[in-house]
Amino acid sequence: MLPFLTPILLLQTLAPDPALRGDLDAGRYLKVLAACDRRVAQDPRDAPAWAARSQALASLQRFPEALADAQRALDLQPRLADALLARGLARAGQAIRQRDLSALRGALGSLDDLRAATEADPTLAAAWASLGLAYELLPGVLGGSTRQALQCADRLGRLVPARGALLRALILVEEGRWRDAEAAFQRALGLAPTDPEVVSQWLDALDSRPAKKALGEAGKNARLLAEATRLLPGVHTRARAVAAVSDAYLHGGDPERAWQVLQDALPHADAPSLLRLQLGKVAAVSGRHRTEGLAALDQVLREPLEGGSAGHPGAWWRKGQILQALGRNEEARQAAQEALKLDPKHRGARALMDTIR
């Protein structure tokens, strides 16, 4: 239900404070947390710091804390656009996590906050990106509208042309209009060929149902492999994009290359924890390098994880999959249980529990 949080977080382009802008945009959420902790310790009434902290926490899937920080910021500055954006993201995340009727209220509140953020600051690019995706991915009964989503893409394009083209592409993918979406992606790549979010979203879209329908399974796989090879040199230090390249190789039929690009990038990537999480995924899905994959996941689970859509529940789930494949069923069950403690409705972990005998 409501699967729009991950692309929204990936499209965040502006922070409440220019000093934090680059770090949020680059996905350095732990660094943002540390900086904001210092600022609010010095001045508990620093509303922009609370708003930035909230956005970082939402990106780390710590939604209750993110919501509390966003509300602190709004209590201090009720019309602070970045705080409204932060609360909208936190509400969206909680709605996704709940996956029940109460999620509807969260979705409606999120949409209201995102609208209010664009009204409070029409130059806030992240708010237009988030609102556009929310309009597209929410059903009409909750206020969804493709027409309004595309209008948001136009507004975003005036502020950040590459991200506007990217948002348009994501909307068109959701509409099943692959050829139009591909043209928009190519415009975004032409404007920002080394932007890790543009690269990541393009590779992810190439593995989507609309792409498969348009290109066929073999054609889709060939494009994934070719585009991964073409785009990797420009993003080889950006962990989020490298993980997307790895996924493209994995789903395109070259799991060994999917593993190797991660190993090559680990020494110099900006967020190595994301690459270790991806190593675990490659090992779990491909059945290769299981011992090394387990070691990578164990390190992820011992240390802070720098964002990522799977988070620690995903790390426990992948660990459980590998342990099950190795015949270590009791340990696999324990890993699945750890994932479910963090996310009681994690579908992968629940499916894993059902298969363990």
Protein backbone atom coordinates (compact mmCIF):
# COMPACT_ATOMS: atom_id res chain seq x y z
CA MET A 1 0.00 0.00 0.00
CA LEU A 2 1.30 3.54 -0.67
CA PRO A 3 4.67 2.57 -2.19
CA PHE A 4 5.91 6.09 -2.78
CA LEU A 5 8.30 6.78 0.07
CA THR A 6 11.49 5.38 -1.46
CA PRO A 7 11.40 7.41 -4.69
CA ILE A 8 10.34 10.48 -2.71
CA LEU A 9 13.38 10.16 -0.46
CA LEU A 10 15.64 9.64 -3.44
CA LEU A 11 14.38 12.86 -5.01
CA GLN A 12 15.12 15.11 -2.04
CA THR A 13 17.26 17.92 -3.44
CA LEU A 14 17.21 20.75 -0.91
CA ALA A 15 17.73 20.91 2.83
CA PRO A 16 16.54 23.47 5.39
CA ASP A 17 20.02 24.93 5.64
CA PRO A 18 22.59 25.33 2.85
CA ALA A 19 25.25 23.83 5.11
CA LEU A 20 23.29 20.57 5.20
CA ARG A 21 22.01 20.61 1.63
CA GLY A 22 24.83 18.68 0.01
CA ASP A 23 24.86 15.99 2.66
CA LEU A 24 21.12 15.30 2.46
CA ASP A 25 21.25 15.30 -1.33
CA ALA A 26 24.21 12.89 -1.28
CA GLY A 27 22.50 10.57 1.18
CA ARG A 28 24.91 11.22 4.05
CA TYR A 29 22.13 10.97 6.59
CA LEU A 30 24.29 9.94 9.54
CA LYS A 31 26.46 13.02 9.03
CA VAL A 32 23.32 15.18 8.94
CA LEU A 33 22.10 13.61 12.18
CA ALA A 34 25.39 14.33 13.91
CA ALA A 35 25.43 17.95 12.69
CA CYS A 36 21.82 18.53 13.74
CA ASP A 37 22.39 16.95 17.13
CA ARG A 38 25.16 19.46 17.76
CA ARG A 39 22.99 22.36 16.61
CA VAL A 40 19.92 21.52 18.69
CA ALA A 41 22.12 20.86 21.73
CA GLN A 42 23.39 24.45 21.39
CA ASP A 43 19.96 25.88 20.54
CA PRO A 44 16.86 23.74 21.12
CA ARG A 45 14.83 26.33 19.19
CA ASP A 46 16.74 25.75 15.94
CA ALA A 47 13.74 24.79 13.78
CA PRO A 48 15.69 24.24 10.53
CA ALA A 49 17.98 21.78 12.33
CA TRP A 50 14.99 19.84 13.67
CA ALA A 51 13.53 19.76 10.15
CA ALA A 52 16.78 18.50 8.61
CA ARG A 53 17.12 15.91 11.36
CA SER A 54 13.59 14.71 10.64
CA GLN A 55 14.32 14.27 6.95
CA ALA A 56 17.46 12.27 7.73
CA LEU A 57 15.57 10.07 10.20
CA ALA A 58 12.82 9.41 7.65
CA SER A 59 15.47 8.36 5.15
CA LEU A 60 16.78 5.93 7.77
CA GLN A 61 13.19 4.62 8.23
CA ARG A 62 13.01 5.87 11.82
CA PHE A 63 9.57 7.31 11.21
CA PRO A 64 8.23 7.93 14.75
CA GLU A 65 11.36 9.91 15.62
CA ALA A 66 11.17 11.73 12.29
CA LEU A 67 7.57 12.71 12.95
CA ALA A 68 8.40 13.97 16.43
CA ASP A 69 11.29 16.10 15.14
CA ALA A 70 9.17 17.53 12.32
CA GLN A 71 6.50 18.48 14.83
CA ARG A 72 9.11 20.18 17.03
CA ALA A 73 10.20 22.23 14.04
CA LEU A 74 6.61 23.19 13.22
CA ASP A 75 5.87 24.12 16.82
CA LEU A 76 8.75 26.57 16.56
CA GLN A 77 8.03 27.78 13.01
CA PRO A 78 4.54 26.72 11.85
CA ARG A 79 5.10 27.79 8.23
CA LEU A 80 8.63 26.47 7.78
CA ALA A 81 8.44 24.74 4.39
CA ASP A 82 11.17 22.22 5.15
CA ALA A 83 9.42 21.20 8.36
CA LEU A 84 6.15 20.69 6.48
CA LEU A 85 8.05 18.58 3.96
CA ALA A 86 9.67 16.62 6.79
CA ARG A 87 6.33 15.90 8.44
CA GLY A 88 4.86 14.85 5.10
CA LEU A 89 7.69 12.36 4.56
CA ALA A 90 7.42 11.02 8.09
CA ARG A 91 3.66 10.58 7.78
CA ALA A 92 4.11 8.81 4.45
CA GLY A 93 6.66 6.46 5.96
CA GLN A 94 4.43 5.57 8.88
CA ALA A 95 1.52 4.95 6.49
CA ILE A 96 3.62 2.53 4.46
CA ARG A 97 4.87 0.76 7.57
CA GLN A 98 1.35 0.36 9.03
CA ARG A 99 -0.32 -1.03 5.89
CA ASP A 100 -3.80 -0.87 7.43
CA LEU A 101 -6.80 1.44 7.51
CA SER A 102 -5.06 3.92 9.79
CA ALA A 103 -2.54 4.36 6.98
CA LEU A 104 -5.18 6.22 5.00
CA ARG A 105 -5.19 9.05 7.52
CA GLY A 106 -1.43 9.22 7.34
CA ALA A 107 -1.53 9.37 3.55
CA LEU A 108 -4.05 12.19 3.57
CA GLY A 109 -2.05 14.12 6.15
CA SER A 110 1.11 13.61 4.14
CA LEU A 111 -0.49 15.02 1.01
CA ASP A 112 -1.73 18.05 2.95
CA ASP A 113 1.75 18.68 4.34
CA LEU A 114 3.42 18.40 0.95
CA ARG A 115 0.96 20.84 -0.59
CA ALA A 116 1.53 23.24 2.28
CA ALA A 117 5.30 22.97 1.84
CA THR A 118 5.07 24.05 -1.81
CA GLU A 119 2.81 26.95 -0.84
CA ALA A 120 5.13 28.07 1.95
CA ASP A 121 8.18 27.98 -0.33
CA PRO A 122 7.50 27.57 -4.07
CA THR A 123 11.26 27.24 -4.67
CA LEU A 124 11.63 24.12 -2.50
CA ALA A 125 12.43 21.50 -5.12
CA ALA A 126 12.15 18.51 -2.81
CA ALA A 127 8.58 19.46 -1.94
CA TRP A 128 7.53 19.54 -5.61
CA ALA A 129 9.23 16.17 -6.20
CA SER A 130 7.53 14.57 -3.22
CA LEU A 131 4.14 16.08 -3.99
CA GLY A 132 4.31 14.96 -7.61
CA LEU A 133 5.00 11.36 -6.67
CA ALA A 134 2.30 11.43 -4.01
CA TYR A 135 -0.26 12.71 -6.54
CA GLU A 136 0.69 9.95 -8.97
CA LEU A 137 0.90 7.02 -6.58
CA LEU A 138 -2.05 7.70 -4.32
CA PRO A 139 -5.42 6.47 -5.60
CA GLY A 140 -7.87 9.09 -6.82
CA VAL A 141 -10.11 8.67 -3.79
CA LEU A 142 -7.21 9.92 -1.65
CA GLY A 143 -6.44 12.85 -3.90
CA GLY A 144 -4.21 11.21 -6.49
CA SER A 145 -4.06 12.84 -9.93
CA THR A 146 -1.70 12.21 -12.83
CA ARG A 147 -2.48 15.63 -14.27
CA GLN A 148 -1.44 17.34 -11.04
CA ALA A 149 1.60 15.08 -10.77
CA LEU A 150 2.81 16.20 -14.20
CA GLN A 151 2.21 19.81 -13.22
CA CYS A 152 4.53 19.26 -10.26
CA ALA A 153 7.14 17.86 -12.65
CA ASP A 154 6.87 21.05 -14.72
CA ARG A 155 7.31 23.22 -11.62
CA LEU A 156 10.27 21.14 -10.48
CA GLY A 157 11.80 21.35 -13.95
CA ARG A 158 11.93 25.14 -13.71
CA LEU A 159 13.97 24.81 -10.52
CA VAL A 160 16.13 21.75 -11.26
CA PRO A 161 15.72 20.68 -14.91
CA ALA A 162 17.22 17.21 -14.54
CA ARG A 163 15.07 16.36 -11.52
CA GLY A 164 11.97 17.68 -13.26
CA ALA A 165 12.65 15.36 -16.19
CA LEU A 166 13.28 12.52 -13.73
CA LEU A 167 9.99 13.11 -11.93
CA ARG A 168 8.14 13.18 -15.26
CA ALA A 169 9.79 9.88 -16.20
CA LEU A 170 8.77 8.22 -12.95
CA ILE A 171 5.17 9.37 -13.39
CA LEU A 172 5.06 8.05 -16.96
CA VAL A 173 6.46 4.68 -15.86
CA GLU A 174 3.63 4.41 -13.36
CA GLU A 175 1.20 5.15 -16.20
CA GLY A 176 2.73 2.36 -18.30
CA ARG A 177 3.86 4.81 -21.00
CA TRP A 178 7.32 3.34 -21.45
CA ARG A 179 8.41 5.12 -24.63
CA ASP A 180 7.47 8.53 -23.24
CA ALA A 181 9.09 7.65 -19.92
CA GLU A 182 12.30 6.57 -21.64
CA ALA A 183 12.49 9.88 -23.49
CA ALA A 184 12.13 11.74 -20.19
CA PHE A 185 14.81 9.58 -18.57
CA GLN A 186 17.17 10.27 -21.46
CA ARG A 187 16.58 14.00 -21.04
CA ALA A 188 17.41 13.69 -17.32
CA LEU A 189 20.55 11.67 -18.10
CA GLY A 190 21.59 14.17 -20.74
CA LEU A 191 21.32 16.99 -18.23
CA ALA A 192 22.91 15.11 -15.31
CA PRO A 193 24.70 11.93 -16.49
CA THR A 194 26.53 11.46 -13.18
CA ASP A 195 23.64 12.26 -10.83
CA PRO A 196 23.37 9.07 -8.74
CA GLU A 197 19.62 9.44 -8.27
CA VAL A 198 18.96 9.86 -11.97
CA VAL A 199 21.15 6.85 -12.73
CA SER A 200 19.58 4.75 -9.97
CA GLN A 201 16.01 5.52 -10.97
CA TRP A 202 16.72 4.88 -14.65
CA LEU A 203 18.23 1.46 -13.98
CA ASP A 204 15.39 0.60 -11.63
CA ALA A 205 12.84 1.61 -14.26
CA LEU A 206 14.59 -0.55 -16.86
CA ASP A 207 13.77 -3.52 -14.63
CA SER A 208 10.10 -2.58 -14.29
CA ARG A 209 7.02 -4.25 -15.75
CA PRO A 210 6.43 -1.49 -18.35
CA ALA A 211 10.01 -1.88 -19.62
CA LYS A 212 9.67 -5.64 -19.81
CA LYS A 213 6.39 -5.30 -21.67
CA ALA A 214 7.90 -2.91 -24.19
CA LEU A 215 11.29 -4.59 -24.63
CA GLY A 216 10.61 -8.24 -23.84
CA GLU A 217 12.57 -10.19 -21.24
CA ALA A 218 15.67 -10.62 -23.37
CA GLY A 219 15.61 -7.03 -24.58
CA LYS A 220 15.13 -5.71 -21.07
CA ASN A 221 18.06 -7.76 -19.77
CA ALA A 222 20.31 -6.65 -22.61
CA ARG A 223 19.53 -3.00 -21.93
CA LEU A 224 20.15 -3.44 -18.20
CA LEU A 225 23.60 -4.90 -18.82
CA ALA A 226 24.53 -2.31 -21.43
CA GLU A 227 23.33 0.68 -19.38
CA ALA A 228 24.98 -0.59 -16.18
CA THR A 229 28.30 -0.81 -18.00
CA ARG A 230 27.87 2.59 -19.65
CA LEU A 231 26.87 4.51 -16.54
CA LEU A 232 29.07 2.95 -13.87
CA PRO A 233 32.25 5.00 -14.54
CA GLY A 234 30.43 8.27 -13.80
CA VAL A 235 29.04 7.13 -10.45
CA HIS A 236 31.62 4.61 -9.24
CA THR A 237 32.13 6.41 -5.90
CA ARG A 238 28.42 6.89 -5.15
CA ALA A 239 27.18 3.89 -3.21
CA ARG A 240 23.50 4.28 -3.99
CA ALA A 241 24.15 4.33 -7.72
CA VAL A 242 26.67 1.48 -7.52
CA ALA A 243 24.06 -0.63 -5.72
CA ALA A 244 21.63 0.12 -8.57
CA VAL A 245 24.27 -0.91 -11.12
CA SER A 246 24.78 -4.13 -9.15
CA ASP A 247 21.03 -4.76 -9.22
CA ALA A 248 21.02 -4.21 -12.99
CA TYR A 249 23.74 -6.83 -13.47
CA LEU A 250 21.98 -9.21 -11.06
CA HIS A 251 18.60 -8.94 -12.74
CA GLY A 252 20.14 -8.79 -16.21
CA GLY A 253 21.69 -12.22 -15.73
CA ASP A 254 25.28 -11.52 -14.65
CA PRO A 255 25.41 -12.14 -10.88
CA GLU A 256 29.19 -12.42 -10.78
CA ARG A 257 29.56 -8.94 -12.22
CA ALA A 258 26.90 -7.75 -9.76
CA TRP A 259 29.15 -8.95 -6.96
CA GLN A 260 32.40 -7.66 -8.41
CA VAL A 261 31.30 -4.04 -8.94
CA LEU A 262 30.45 -3.87 -5.25
CA GLN A 263 33.82 -5.26 -4.23
CA ASP A 264 35.59 -2.79 -6.52
CA ALA A 265 33.65 0.17 -5.12
CA LEU A 266 33.91 -0.64 -1.40
CA PRO A 267 37.30 1.03 -0.74
CA HIS A 268 36.23 4.44 -2.08
CA ALA A 269 32.42 4.61 -1.94
CA ASP A 270 30.70 7.35 0.02
CA ALA A 271 28.43 4.94 1.97
CA PRO A 272 30.03 1.48 2.16
CA SER A 273 27.29 0.13 4.44
CA LEU A 274 24.88 0.29 1.48
CA LEU A 275 27.29 -1.75 -0.61
CA ARG A 276 27.61 -4.38 2.11
CA LEU A 277 23.82 -4.62 2.29
CA GLN A 278 23.78 -5.13 -1.48
CA LEU A 279 26.48 -7.79 -1.21
CA GLY A 280 24.14 -9.69 1.10
CA LYS A 281 21.32 -9.34 -1.41
CA VAL A 282 23.44 -10.60 -4.29
CA ALA A 283 24.56 -13.59 -2.23
CA ALA A 284 20.99 -14.39 -1.16
CA VAL A 285 19.48 -14.07 -4.64
CA SER A 286 22.26 -15.68 -6.68
CA GLY A 287 23.40 -18.37 -4.27
CA ARG A 288 27.02 -17.29 -4.81
CA HIS A 289 29.53 -16.01 -2.24
CA ARG A 290 27.23 -16.95 0.63
CA THR A 291 29.93 -16.95 3.31
CA GLU A 292 31.18 -13.53 2.24
CA GLY A 293 27.60 -12.28 1.96
CA LEU A 294 26.88 -13.35 5.53
CA ALA A 295 30.00 -11.56 6.74
CA ALA A 296 28.93 -8.37 4.95
CA LEU A 297 25.45 -8.52 6.49
CA ASP A 298 26.87 -9.14 9.94
CA GLN A 299 28.93 -5.98 9.59
CA VAL A 300 25.85 -4.06 8.44
CA LEU A 301 23.96 -5.24 11.51
CA ARG A 302 26.79 -4.25 13.86
CA GLU A 303 27.23 -0.72 12.53
CA PRO A 304 25.05 2.26 11.59
CA LEU A 305 23.43 1.78 8.18
CA GLU A 306 23.56 4.81 5.90
CA GLY A 307 20.02 4.89 4.54
CA GLY A 308 18.84 2.41 1.95
CA SER A 309 15.30 1.28 1.23
CA ALA A 310 15.77 -2.16 2.81
CA GLY A 311 17.19 -1.01 6.13
CA HIS A 312 18.03 -3.34 8.99
CA PRO A 313 14.85 -5.44 8.51
CA GLY A 314 16.07 -6.17 4.99
CA ALA A 315 19.53 -7.08 6.26
CA TRP A 316 18.07 -9.60 8.71
CA TRP A 317 15.81 -11.03 5.99
CA ARG A 318 18.69 -11.51 3.53
CA LYS A 319 20.76 -13.09 6.28
CA GLY A 320 17.91 -15.49 6.98
CA GLN A 321 17.65 -16.42 3.31
CA ILE A 322 21.33 -17.27 3.13
CA LEU A 323 21.23 -19.24 6.38
CA GLN A 324 18.24 -21.23 5.13
CA ALA A 325 20.07 -22.02 1.88
CA LEU A 326 22.99 -23.29 3.96
CA GLY A 327 20.66 -25.59 5.91
CA ARG A 328 20.99 -23.58 9.14
CA ASN A 329 17.24 -23.38 9.66
CA GLU A 330 17.15 -22.43 13.33
CA GLU A 331 19.49 -19.49 12.72
CA ALA A 332 17.43 -18.55 9.67
CA ARG A 333 14.29 -18.52 11.80
CA GLN A 334 15.96 -16.31 14.36
CA ALA A 335 17.05 -13.88 11.62
CA ALA A 336 13.51 -13.71 10.23
CA GLN A 337 12.20 -13.05 13.74
CA GLU A 338 14.67 -10.17 14.15
CA ALA A 339 13.43 -8.67 10.89
CA LEU A 340 9.83 -8.96 12.08
CA LYS A 341 10.67 -7.29 15.40
CA LEU A 342 11.76 -4.24 13.43
CA ASP A 343 8.96 -4.45 10.84
CA PRO A 344 6.14 -6.81 11.90
CA LYS A 345 4.64 -6.71 8.42
CA HIS A 346 7.82 -7.33 6.43
CA ARG A 347 6.59 -9.53 3.60
CA GLY A 348 9.92 -11.16 2.81
CA ALA A 349 10.56 -12.11 6.43
CA ARG A 350 7.05 -13.46 6.86
CA ALA A 351 7.40 -15.55 3.69
CA LEU A 352 10.74 -16.84 4.94
CA MET A 353 9.18 -17.91 8.24
CA ASP A 354 6.52 -19.84 6.32
CA THR A 355 9.12 -21.81 4.39
CA ILE A 356 11.34 -22.78 7.32
CA ARG A 357 10.57 -26.24 8.62
